[in-house]
């Protein structure tokens, strides 16, 4: 049993390493945004959609997806001439204005750099999105979260089995708990 837990602990740590590193890097970017160039490249495009697209934002998004625009529909607003909405994914955002009379689409594309993409990925949650890759990321987050809980549980068990390290381990756990509780209180009361 000890060998299985030790190997599981090692595998879970290696598997979660890049994920935790990405979250750490994006947290540094959020805390020190002036250190990173975050200005997106902006491109404007014009397209004409087929007349049978209809007057539904989801149908317009499906047509745009067939033409290379990827992301999920956000903030659809009906205007006097048609629709205005955003299609977003980590790393890019498309501001779309659609005219129902002419079937013309004006798209303002904002392409972000790597750090801005990491920032957006850091904030993605859930699996209710209408864009598959974002839902896939939500599943991945859940799996890594479970892996991190198991990593902690197996680590505590393995540490507890080494009798000579118990005093140091208890001190480190107490300090860690104290720092975490202090930070949580400070975040909630700030």
N, C-alpha and C. Protein backbone atom coordinates (compact mmCIF):
# COMPACT_ATOMS: atom_id res chain seq x y z
N UNK A 1 0.83 -1.20 0.00
CA UNK A 1 0.00 0.00 0.00
C UNK A 1 0.86 1.25 0.00
N UNK A 2 1.93 1.23 0.78
CA UNK A 2 2.82 2.38 0.86
C UNK A 2 3.41 2.71 -0.51
N UNK A 3 3.84 1.68 -1.23
CA UNK A 3 4.44 1.90 -2.56
C UNK A 3 3.41 2.48 -3.53
N UNK A 4 2.17 1.97 -3.51
CA UNK A 4 1.11 2.48 -4.37
C UNK A 4 0.84 3.96 -4.07
N UNK A 5 0.73 4.31 -2.79
CA UNK A 5 0.48 5.71 -2.42
C UNK A 5 1.65 6.61 -2.80
N UNK A 6 2.88 6.11 -2.62
CA UNK A 6 4.06 6.90 -2.99
C UNK A 6 4.07 7.16 -4.50
N UNK A 7 3.80 6.12 -5.30
CA UNK A 7 3.77 6.28 -6.75
C UNK A 7 2.60 7.18 -7.19
N UNK A 8 1.47 7.03 -6.54
CA UNK A 8 0.32 7.89 -6.84
C UNK A 8 0.64 9.34 -6.52
N UNK A 9 1.28 9.57 -5.38
CA UNK A 9 1.67 10.92 -4.97
C UNK A 9 2.61 11.53 -6.01
N UNK A 10 3.57 10.78 -6.46
CA UNK A 10 4.52 11.26 -7.46
C UNK A 10 3.81 11.56 -8.78
N UNK A 11 2.97 10.65 -9.23
CA UNK A 11 2.25 10.84 -10.49
C UNK A 11 1.33 12.06 -10.41
N UNK A 12 0.59 12.21 -9.33
CA UNK A 12 -0.32 13.35 -9.18
C UNK A 12 0.45 14.67 -9.17
N UNK A 13 1.59 14.69 -8.49
CA UNK A 13 2.41 15.90 -8.46
C UNK A 13 2.93 16.29 -9.82
N UNK A 14 3.43 15.31 -10.56
CA UNK A 14 3.95 15.58 -11.91
C UNK A 14 2.82 16.01 -12.84
N UNK A 15 1.67 15.33 -12.75
CA UNK A 15 0.54 15.64 -13.62
C UNK A 15 -0.01 17.05 -13.36
N UNK A 16 -0.01 17.50 -12.13
CA UNK A 16 -0.58 18.81 -11.80
C UNK A 16 0.44 19.95 -11.90
N UNK A 17 1.71 19.63 -12.09
CA UNK A 17 2.76 20.64 -12.04
C UNK A 17 2.56 21.77 -13.05
N UNK A 18 2.38 21.44 -14.33
CA UNK A 18 2.24 22.49 -15.35
C UNK A 18 0.98 23.31 -15.14
N UNK A 19 -0.08 22.66 -14.70
CA UNK A 19 -1.33 23.37 -14.43
C UNK A 19 -1.13 24.39 -13.31
N UNK A 20 -0.51 23.98 -12.22
CA UNK A 20 -0.27 24.87 -11.09
C UNK A 20 0.72 25.98 -11.49
N UNK A 21 1.70 25.64 -12.29
CA UNK A 21 2.65 26.64 -12.78
C UNK A 21 1.95 27.71 -13.61
N UNK A 22 1.02 27.29 -14.47
CA UNK A 22 0.25 28.23 -15.29
C UNK A 22 -0.58 29.15 -14.40
N UNK A 23 -1.23 28.59 -13.39
CA UNK A 23 -2.02 29.43 -12.48
C UNK A 23 -1.12 30.38 -11.70
N UNK A 24 0.05 29.93 -11.29
CA UNK A 24 0.98 30.80 -10.57
C UNK A 24 1.47 31.94 -11.45
N UNK A 25 1.79 31.64 -12.70
CA UNK A 25 2.26 32.66 -13.64
C UNK A 25 1.17 33.69 -13.92
N UNK A 26 -0.06 33.21 -14.12
CA UNK A 26 -1.15 34.16 -14.36
C UNK A 26 -1.47 34.97 -13.11
N UNK A 27 -1.27 34.41 -11.92
CA UNK A 27 -1.48 35.17 -10.68
C UNK A 27 -0.44 36.28 -10.56
N UNK A 28 0.80 36.00 -10.94
CA UNK A 28 1.84 37.04 -10.94
C UNK A 28 1.46 38.14 -11.92
N UNK A 29 0.96 37.76 -13.09
CA UNK A 29 0.53 38.75 -14.09
C UNK A 29 -0.58 39.63 -13.54
N UNK A 30 -1.53 39.04 -12.82
CA UNK A 30 -2.64 39.83 -12.27
C UNK A 30 -2.17 40.75 -11.15
N UNK A 31 -1.23 40.28 -10.36
CA UNK A 31 -0.74 41.09 -9.24
C UNK A 31 0.20 42.19 -9.71
N UNK A 32 0.90 41.96 -10.81
CA UNK A 32 1.90 42.92 -11.31
C UNK A 32 1.69 43.15 -12.80
N UNK A 33 0.53 43.66 -13.17
CA UNK A 33 0.18 43.81 -14.58
C UNK A 33 1.09 44.79 -15.33
N UNK A 34 1.73 45.71 -14.61
CA UNK A 34 2.62 46.66 -15.29
C UNK A 34 3.90 46.00 -15.79
N UNK A 35 4.20 44.81 -15.34
CA UNK A 35 5.40 44.10 -15.79
C UNK A 35 5.22 43.48 -17.18
N UNK A 36 3.97 43.38 -17.64
CA UNK A 36 3.69 42.65 -18.87
C UNK A 36 2.99 43.57 -19.88
N UNK A 37 3.34 43.39 -21.15
CA UNK A 37 2.66 44.11 -22.23
C UNK A 37 1.34 43.39 -22.51
N UNK A 38 0.24 44.07 -22.25
CA UNK A 38 -1.07 43.42 -22.36
C UNK A 38 -1.95 44.02 -23.46
N UNK A 39 -1.42 44.95 -24.24
CA UNK A 39 -2.23 45.61 -25.25
C UNK A 39 -2.50 44.65 -26.40
N UNK A 40 -3.77 44.43 -26.73
CA UNK A 40 -4.09 43.48 -27.80
C UNK A 40 -3.90 44.11 -29.19
N UNK A 41 -3.66 43.25 -30.17
CA UNK A 41 -3.65 43.70 -31.56
C UNK A 41 -5.10 43.79 -32.02
N UNK A 42 -5.44 44.84 -32.73
CA UNK A 42 -6.82 45.07 -33.15
C UNK A 42 -6.90 45.04 -34.68
N UNK A 43 -7.84 44.24 -35.18
CA UNK A 43 -8.06 44.11 -36.62
C UNK A 43 -9.55 44.28 -36.86
N UNK A 44 -9.89 44.99 -37.94
CA UNK A 44 -11.30 45.14 -38.30
C UNK A 44 -11.56 44.37 -39.58
N UNK A 45 -12.65 43.61 -39.61
CA UNK A 45 -13.02 42.82 -40.77
C UNK A 45 -14.47 43.11 -41.14
N UNK A 46 -14.77 42.92 -42.42
CA UNK A 46 -16.15 43.03 -42.91
C UNK A 46 -16.47 41.77 -43.68
N UNK A 47 -17.65 41.22 -43.43
CA UNK A 47 -18.09 40.00 -44.11
C UNK A 47 -19.56 40.13 -44.47
N UNK A 48 -19.95 39.34 -45.45
CA UNK A 48 -21.36 39.26 -45.81
C UNK A 48 -21.81 37.82 -45.57
N UNK A 49 -22.87 37.68 -44.79
CA UNK A 49 -23.39 36.35 -44.49
C UNK A 49 -24.50 36.01 -45.48
N UNK A 50 -24.84 34.73 -45.57
CA UNK A 50 -25.89 34.29 -46.48
C UNK A 50 -27.24 34.81 -45.97
N UNK A 51 -28.15 35.13 -46.89
CA UNK A 51 -29.46 35.66 -46.48
C UNK A 51 -30.26 34.70 -45.60
N UNK A 52 -30.02 33.40 -45.70
CA UNK A 52 -30.79 32.45 -44.89
C UNK A 52 -30.25 32.30 -43.47
N UNK A 53 -29.29 33.15 -43.08
CA UNK A 53 -28.74 33.10 -41.72
C UNK A 53 -29.82 33.39 -40.69
N UNK A 54 -30.71 34.30 -41.00
CA UNK A 54 -31.79 34.62 -40.09
C UNK A 54 -31.45 35.79 -39.18
N UNK A 55 -32.29 35.98 -38.19
CA UNK A 55 -32.16 37.13 -37.30
C UNK A 55 -31.93 36.68 -35.85
N UNK A 56 -31.27 35.55 -35.68
CA UNK A 56 -31.00 35.01 -34.36
C UNK A 56 -29.49 35.06 -34.12
N UNK A 57 -29.05 35.63 -32.99
CA UNK A 57 -27.61 35.72 -32.73
C UNK A 57 -26.90 34.36 -32.76
N UNK A 58 -27.56 33.31 -32.27
CA UNK A 58 -26.92 31.99 -32.28
C UNK A 58 -26.72 31.48 -33.71
N UNK A 59 -27.66 31.75 -34.59
CA UNK A 59 -27.51 31.36 -35.99
C UNK A 59 -26.38 32.15 -36.65
N UNK A 60 -26.27 33.42 -36.30
CA UNK A 60 -25.20 34.25 -36.84
C UNK A 60 -23.85 33.73 -36.36
N UNK A 61 -23.77 33.37 -35.08
CA UNK A 61 -22.52 32.83 -34.52
C UNK A 61 -22.16 31.51 -35.21
N UNK A 62 -23.17 30.64 -35.44
CA UNK A 62 -22.88 29.37 -36.14
C UNK A 62 -22.31 29.64 -37.53
N UNK A 63 -22.87 30.59 -38.23
CA UNK A 63 -22.35 30.95 -39.57
C UNK A 63 -20.93 31.50 -39.48
N UNK A 64 -20.68 32.35 -38.50
CA UNK A 64 -19.33 32.91 -38.33
C UNK A 64 -18.33 31.82 -37.94
N UNK A 65 -18.75 30.85 -37.14
CA UNK A 65 -17.86 29.74 -36.76
C UNK A 65 -17.45 28.93 -37.98
N UNK A 66 -18.36 28.79 -38.94
CA UNK A 66 -18.00 28.07 -40.16
C UNK A 66 -16.96 28.84 -40.97
N UNK A 67 -16.84 30.13 -40.67
CA UNK A 67 -15.88 30.98 -41.39
C UNK A 67 -14.68 31.36 -40.53
N UNK A 68 -14.39 30.58 -39.49
CA UNK A 68 -13.14 30.76 -38.74
C UNK A 68 -13.21 31.54 -37.45
N UNK A 69 -14.36 32.10 -37.10
CA UNK A 69 -14.48 32.82 -35.83
C UNK A 69 -14.79 31.79 -34.75
N UNK A 70 -13.94 31.72 -33.73
CA UNK A 70 -14.12 30.71 -32.68
C UNK A 70 -14.35 31.41 -31.35
N UNK A 71 -15.23 30.83 -30.54
CA UNK A 71 -15.50 31.36 -29.21
C UNK A 71 -16.96 31.18 -28.85
N UNK A 72 -17.32 31.73 -27.69
CA UNK A 72 -18.69 31.62 -27.22
C UNK A 72 -19.40 32.96 -27.30
N UNK A 73 -20.68 32.90 -27.55
CA UNK A 73 -21.51 34.09 -27.65
C UNK A 73 -21.67 34.74 -26.29
N UNK A 74 -21.48 36.06 -26.27
CA UNK A 74 -21.67 36.82 -25.02
C UNK A 74 -22.40 38.12 -25.32
N UNK A 75 -23.24 38.54 -24.43
CA UNK A 75 -23.86 39.87 -24.42
C UNK A 75 -24.51 40.26 -25.74
N UNK A 76 -25.48 39.49 -26.20
CA UNK A 76 -26.22 39.84 -27.42
C UNK A 76 -27.20 40.96 -27.12
N UNK A 77 -27.17 41.98 -27.95
CA UNK A 77 -28.04 43.15 -27.78
C UNK A 77 -28.68 43.48 -29.13
N UNK A 78 -30.01 43.48 -29.16
CA UNK A 78 -30.70 43.82 -30.41
C UNK A 78 -30.67 45.33 -30.59
N UNK A 79 -30.29 45.77 -31.79
CA UNK A 79 -30.22 47.20 -32.11
C UNK A 79 -31.29 47.52 -33.15
N UNK A 80 -31.37 48.79 -33.53
CA UNK A 80 -32.36 49.20 -34.53
C UNK A 80 -32.09 48.57 -35.89
N UNK A 81 -30.82 48.28 -36.18
CA UNK A 81 -30.46 47.74 -37.50
C UNK A 81 -30.16 46.24 -37.49
N UNK A 82 -30.08 45.62 -36.33
CA UNK A 82 -29.76 44.20 -36.29
C UNK A 82 -29.33 43.74 -34.91
N UNK A 83 -28.10 43.26 -34.82
CA UNK A 83 -27.57 42.73 -33.56
C UNK A 83 -26.17 43.22 -33.31
N UNK A 84 -25.86 43.33 -32.04
CA UNK A 84 -24.51 43.66 -31.60
C UNK A 84 -24.18 42.68 -30.48
N UNK A 85 -23.06 41.98 -30.60
CA UNK A 85 -22.68 41.01 -29.57
C UNK A 85 -21.19 40.75 -29.62
N UNK A 86 -20.75 39.95 -28.65
CA UNK A 86 -19.33 39.59 -28.56
C UNK A 86 -19.21 38.07 -28.63
N UNK A 87 -18.17 37.63 -29.32
CA UNK A 87 -17.78 36.22 -29.33
C UNK A 87 -16.39 36.20 -28.71
N UNK A 88 -16.21 35.40 -27.66
CA UNK A 88 -14.93 35.45 -26.94
C UNK A 88 -14.40 34.06 -26.67
N UNK A 89 -13.09 33.99 -26.62
CA UNK A 89 -12.34 32.81 -26.21
C UNK A 89 -11.04 33.32 -25.62
N UNK A 90 -10.35 32.51 -24.83
CA UNK A 90 -9.07 32.99 -24.30
C UNK A 90 -8.11 33.34 -25.43
N UNK A 91 -7.63 34.56 -25.41
CA UNK A 91 -6.69 35.01 -26.43
C UNK A 91 -7.30 35.85 -27.52
N UNK A 92 -8.61 35.87 -27.65
CA UNK A 92 -9.24 36.67 -28.70
C UNK A 92 -10.68 37.03 -28.32
N UNK A 93 -11.09 38.20 -28.75
CA UNK A 93 -12.47 38.64 -28.57
C UNK A 93 -12.92 39.30 -29.86
N UNK A 94 -14.13 38.99 -30.29
CA UNK A 94 -14.69 39.52 -31.53
C UNK A 94 -15.92 40.35 -31.17
N UNK A 95 -15.87 41.65 -31.46
CA UNK A 95 -17.05 42.51 -31.30
C UNK A 95 -17.76 42.52 -32.65
N UNK A 96 -18.99 42.02 -32.68
CA UNK A 96 -19.71 41.80 -33.93
C UNK A 96 -20.90 42.74 -34.00
N UNK A 97 -21.06 43.40 -35.15
CA UNK A 97 -22.26 44.18 -35.45
C UNK A 97 -22.84 43.61 -36.73
N UNK A 98 -24.10 43.16 -36.66
CA UNK A 98 -24.75 42.50 -37.79
C UNK A 98 -25.96 43.31 -38.23
N UNK A 99 -26.05 43.56 -39.53
CA UNK A 99 -27.19 44.28 -40.09
C UNK A 99 -28.14 43.26 -40.71
N UNK A 100 -29.38 43.23 -40.22
CA UNK A 100 -30.35 42.27 -40.76
C UNK A 100 -30.79 42.64 -42.16
N UNK A 101 -30.75 43.91 -42.52
CA UNK A 101 -31.19 44.32 -43.86
C UNK A 101 -30.18 43.93 -44.93
N UNK A 102 -28.90 44.11 -44.66
CA UNK A 102 -27.87 43.86 -45.67
C UNK A 102 -27.09 42.57 -45.46
N UNK A 103 -27.26 41.94 -44.30
CA UNK A 103 -26.52 40.74 -43.90
C UNK A 103 -25.02 41.00 -43.82
N UNK A 104 -24.66 42.26 -43.63
CA UNK A 104 -23.27 42.66 -43.48
C UNK A 104 -22.86 42.52 -42.01
N UNK A 105 -21.63 42.08 -41.82
CA UNK A 105 -21.09 41.93 -40.48
C UNK A 105 -19.80 42.73 -40.39
N UNK A 106 -19.73 43.56 -39.36
CA UNK A 106 -18.47 44.25 -39.05
C UNK A 106 -17.93 43.58 -37.79
N UNK A 107 -16.69 43.11 -37.89
CA UNK A 107 -16.08 42.40 -36.77
C UNK A 107 -14.82 43.15 -36.35
N UNK A 108 -14.76 43.52 -35.10
CA UNK A 108 -13.57 44.12 -34.52
C UNK A 108 -12.89 43.02 -33.69
N UNK A 109 -11.73 42.57 -34.17
CA UNK A 109 -11.03 41.45 -33.54
C UNK A 109 -9.93 42.00 -32.64
N UNK A 110 -9.92 41.55 -31.39
CA UNK A 110 -8.86 41.91 -30.45
C UNK A 110 -8.11 40.62 -30.09
N UNK A 111 -6.88 40.53 -30.57
CA UNK A 111 -6.06 39.35 -30.33
C UNK A 111 -5.06 39.67 -29.22
N UNK A 112 -5.17 38.94 -28.14
CA UNK A 112 -4.33 39.19 -26.97
C UNK A 112 -3.06 38.35 -27.04
N UNK A 113 -2.08 38.75 -26.26
CA UNK A 113 -0.84 38.01 -26.15
C UNK A 113 -0.98 36.82 -25.21
N UNK A 114 0.11 36.13 -25.02
CA UNK A 114 0.13 34.90 -24.22
C UNK A 114 -0.29 35.16 -22.78
N UNK A 115 0.22 36.21 -22.16
CA UNK A 115 -0.10 36.47 -20.76
C UNK A 115 -1.57 36.85 -20.58
N UNK A 116 -2.13 37.60 -21.51
CA UNK A 116 -3.55 37.93 -21.43
C UNK A 116 -4.41 36.68 -21.61
N UNK A 117 -3.96 35.77 -22.47
CA UNK A 117 -4.67 34.51 -22.64
C UNK A 117 -4.64 33.70 -21.33
N UNK A 118 -3.48 33.64 -20.68
CA UNK A 118 -3.40 32.95 -19.39
C UNK A 118 -4.32 33.59 -18.36
N UNK A 119 -4.41 34.91 -18.38
CA UNK A 119 -5.30 35.62 -17.47
C UNK A 119 -6.74 35.17 -17.68
N UNK A 120 -7.19 35.10 -18.93
CA UNK A 120 -8.56 34.69 -19.22
C UNK A 120 -8.79 33.23 -18.82
N UNK A 121 -7.80 32.36 -19.10
CA UNK A 121 -7.93 30.96 -18.74
C UNK A 121 -8.06 30.82 -17.22
N UNK A 122 -7.34 31.66 -16.48
CA UNK A 122 -7.37 31.62 -15.02
C UNK A 122 -8.79 31.85 -14.50
N UNK A 123 -9.59 32.64 -15.22
CA UNK A 123 -10.92 33.00 -14.75
C UNK A 123 -12.05 32.12 -15.29
N UNK A 124 -11.74 31.19 -16.19
CA UNK A 124 -12.79 30.34 -16.76
C UNK A 124 -13.25 29.34 -15.71
N UNK A 125 -14.56 29.17 -15.65
CA UNK A 125 -15.13 28.20 -14.69
C UNK A 125 -16.33 27.52 -15.32
N UNK A 126 -16.58 26.31 -14.91
CA UNK A 126 -17.80 25.62 -15.30
C UNK A 126 -17.75 24.93 -16.65
N UNK A 127 -18.85 24.25 -16.94
CA UNK A 127 -18.98 23.52 -18.20
C UNK A 127 -20.30 23.85 -18.89
N UNK A 128 -20.80 25.05 -18.72
CA UNK A 128 -22.08 25.44 -19.32
C UNK A 128 -21.90 26.33 -20.55
N UNK A 129 -20.71 26.45 -21.06
CA UNK A 129 -20.42 27.34 -22.19
C UNK A 129 -20.87 26.69 -23.50
N UNK A 130 -21.12 27.52 -24.51
CA UNK A 130 -21.51 26.97 -25.81
C UNK A 130 -20.32 26.78 -26.74
N UNK A 131 -19.11 26.80 -26.19
CA UNK A 131 -17.88 26.59 -26.96
C UNK A 131 -17.15 25.41 -26.32
N UNK A 132 -17.06 24.31 -27.05
CA UNK A 132 -16.53 23.05 -26.53
C UNK A 132 -15.18 23.12 -25.84
N UNK A 133 -14.17 23.78 -26.43
CA UNK A 133 -12.87 23.83 -25.75
C UNK A 133 -12.91 24.46 -24.36
N UNK A 134 -13.78 25.44 -24.15
CA UNK A 134 -13.89 26.05 -22.83
C UNK A 134 -14.52 25.05 -21.85
N UNK A 135 -15.50 24.28 -22.31
CA UNK A 135 -16.08 23.23 -21.46
C UNK A 135 -15.03 22.17 -21.14
N UNK A 136 -14.21 21.84 -22.13
CA UNK A 136 -13.11 20.89 -21.90
C UNK A 136 -12.16 21.39 -20.83
N UNK A 137 -11.87 22.68 -20.86
CA UNK A 137 -11.01 23.26 -19.84
C UNK A 137 -11.66 23.15 -18.46
N UNK A 138 -12.97 23.37 -18.38
CA UNK A 138 -13.68 23.23 -17.11
C UNK A 138 -13.58 21.82 -16.55
N UNK A 139 -13.68 20.81 -17.41
CA UNK A 139 -13.52 19.42 -16.98
C UNK A 139 -12.10 19.20 -16.49
N UNK A 140 -11.13 19.74 -17.21
CA UNK A 140 -9.72 19.59 -16.83
C UNK A 140 -9.46 20.23 -15.47
N UNK A 141 -10.05 21.41 -15.23
CA UNK A 141 -9.90 22.08 -13.93
C UNK A 141 -10.44 21.19 -12.81
N UNK A 142 -11.59 20.57 -13.04
CA UNK A 142 -12.18 19.69 -12.03
C UNK A 142 -11.27 18.49 -11.75
N UNK A 143 -10.73 17.89 -12.80
CA UNK A 143 -9.84 16.73 -12.62
C UNK A 143 -8.57 17.11 -11.87
N UNK A 144 -7.98 18.25 -12.22
CA UNK A 144 -6.75 18.67 -11.54
C UNK A 144 -7.06 19.05 -10.09
N UNK A 145 -8.22 19.62 -9.84
CA UNK A 145 -8.60 19.95 -8.46
C UNK A 145 -8.69 18.69 -7.61
N UNK A 146 -9.30 17.65 -8.14
CA UNK A 146 -9.36 16.38 -7.43
C UNK A 146 -7.95 15.82 -7.24
N UNK A 147 -7.12 15.92 -8.29
CA UNK A 147 -5.74 15.43 -8.19
C UNK A 147 -4.97 16.16 -7.10
N UNK A 148 -5.18 17.48 -6.97
CA UNK A 148 -4.47 18.23 -5.93
C UNK A 148 -4.94 17.85 -4.53
N UNK A 149 -6.22 17.57 -4.37
CA UNK A 149 -6.73 17.11 -3.08
C UNK A 149 -6.10 15.76 -2.73
N UNK A 150 -6.07 14.86 -3.73
CA UNK A 150 -5.45 13.55 -3.51
C UNK A 150 -3.95 13.67 -3.25
N UNK A 151 -3.31 14.62 -3.92
CA UNK A 151 -1.88 14.86 -3.70
C UNK A 151 -1.63 15.27 -2.25
N UNK A 152 -2.45 16.17 -1.74
CA UNK A 152 -2.32 16.59 -0.34
C UNK A 152 -2.59 15.45 0.62
N UNK A 153 -3.64 14.67 0.34
CA UNK A 153 -3.99 13.56 1.24
C UNK A 153 -2.90 12.49 1.26
N UNK A 154 -2.40 12.13 0.08
CA UNK A 154 -1.33 11.12 0.05
C UNK A 154 -0.05 11.66 0.66
N UNK A 155 0.21 12.96 0.48
CA UNK A 155 1.40 13.57 1.09
C UNK A 155 1.35 13.55 2.60
N UNK A 156 0.20 13.87 3.16
CA UNK A 156 0.06 13.84 4.62
C UNK A 156 0.20 12.41 5.14
N UNK A 157 -0.41 11.46 4.45
CA UNK A 157 -0.30 10.06 4.87
C UNK A 157 1.16 9.60 4.82
N UNK A 158 1.85 9.88 3.71
CA UNK A 158 3.25 9.43 3.57
C UNK A 158 4.13 10.12 4.61
N UNK A 159 3.89 11.38 4.86
CA UNK A 159 4.67 12.10 5.88
C UNK A 159 4.44 11.50 7.26
N UNK A 160 3.18 11.17 7.55
CA UNK A 160 2.85 10.64 8.86
C UNK A 160 3.52 9.29 9.10
N UNK A 161 3.78 8.54 8.04
CA UNK A 161 4.43 7.23 8.19
C UNK A 161 5.91 7.35 8.54
N UNK A 162 6.53 8.49 8.27
CA UNK A 162 7.94 8.69 8.61
C UNK A 162 7.98 9.33 10.00
N UNK A 163 8.24 8.54 11.02
CA UNK A 163 8.14 8.99 12.40
C UNK A 163 9.12 10.11 12.74
N UNK A 164 10.30 10.09 12.15
CA UNK A 164 11.31 11.10 12.50
C UNK A 164 10.96 12.49 11.97
N UNK A 165 10.05 12.59 11.00
CA UNK A 165 9.71 13.88 10.40
C UNK A 165 8.41 14.47 10.93
N UNK A 166 7.79 13.85 11.89
CA UNK A 166 6.48 14.31 12.35
C UNK A 166 6.51 15.70 12.97
N UNK A 167 7.49 15.99 13.78
CA UNK A 167 7.55 17.30 14.45
C UNK A 167 7.71 18.43 13.42
N UNK A 168 8.62 18.26 12.48
CA UNK A 168 8.82 19.27 11.43
C UNK A 168 7.55 19.41 10.59
N UNK A 169 6.94 18.28 10.25
CA UNK A 169 5.71 18.31 9.45
C UNK A 169 4.57 19.01 10.14
N UNK A 170 4.40 18.76 11.43
CA UNK A 170 3.33 19.43 12.19
C UNK A 170 3.57 20.94 12.23
N UNK A 171 4.83 21.34 12.41
CA UNK A 171 5.15 22.77 12.42
C UNK A 171 4.85 23.40 11.06
N UNK A 172 5.25 22.74 9.98
CA UNK A 172 4.98 23.27 8.64
C UNK A 172 3.49 23.32 8.33
N UNK A 173 2.75 22.29 8.72
CA UNK A 173 1.30 22.31 8.52
C UNK A 173 0.65 23.44 9.30
N UNK A 174 1.09 23.67 10.53
CA UNK A 174 0.52 24.75 11.35
C UNK A 174 0.82 26.12 10.74
N UNK A 175 2.05 26.32 10.29
CA UNK A 175 2.41 27.60 9.65
C UNK A 175 1.60 27.79 8.38
N UNK A 176 1.49 26.73 7.56
CA UNK A 176 0.73 26.80 6.32
C UNK A 176 -0.73 27.13 6.59
N UNK A 177 -1.32 26.47 7.57
CA UNK A 177 -2.70 26.74 7.93
C UNK A 177 -2.88 28.19 8.40
N UNK A 178 -1.95 28.65 9.23
CA UNK A 178 -2.01 30.03 9.71
C UNK A 178 -1.92 31.05 8.59
N UNK A 179 -1.00 30.84 7.64
CA UNK A 179 -0.86 31.76 6.50
C UNK A 179 -2.12 31.74 5.64
N UNK A 180 -2.64 30.55 5.35
CA UNK A 180 -3.84 30.44 4.52
C UNK A 180 -5.05 31.11 5.16
N UNK A 181 -5.28 30.86 6.43
CA UNK A 181 -6.41 31.47 7.12
C UNK A 181 -6.25 32.98 7.18
N UNK A 182 -5.03 33.46 7.45
CA UNK A 182 -4.77 34.91 7.48
C UNK A 182 -5.06 35.54 6.13
N UNK A 183 -4.59 34.93 5.06
CA UNK A 183 -4.84 35.47 3.72
C UNK A 183 -6.33 35.46 3.37
N UNK A 184 -7.02 34.39 3.73
CA UNK A 184 -8.46 34.35 3.47
C UNK A 184 -9.19 35.45 4.23
N UNK A 185 -8.84 35.68 5.48
CA UNK A 185 -9.48 36.74 6.26
C UNK A 185 -9.16 38.10 5.66
N UNK A 186 -7.91 38.32 5.27
CA UNK A 186 -7.54 39.60 4.67
C UNK A 186 -8.25 39.86 3.35
N UNK A 187 -8.39 38.81 2.53
CA UNK A 187 -9.08 38.96 1.25
C UNK A 187 -10.56 39.26 1.47
N UNK A 188 -11.18 38.59 2.42
CA UNK A 188 -12.61 38.80 2.66
C UNK A 188 -12.92 40.14 3.29
N UNK A 189 -11.99 40.69 4.08
CA UNK A 189 -12.27 41.94 4.77
C UNK A 189 -11.71 43.16 4.06
N UNK A 190 -10.95 42.98 3.03
CA UNK A 190 -10.34 44.12 2.31
C UNK A 190 -11.33 44.78 1.40
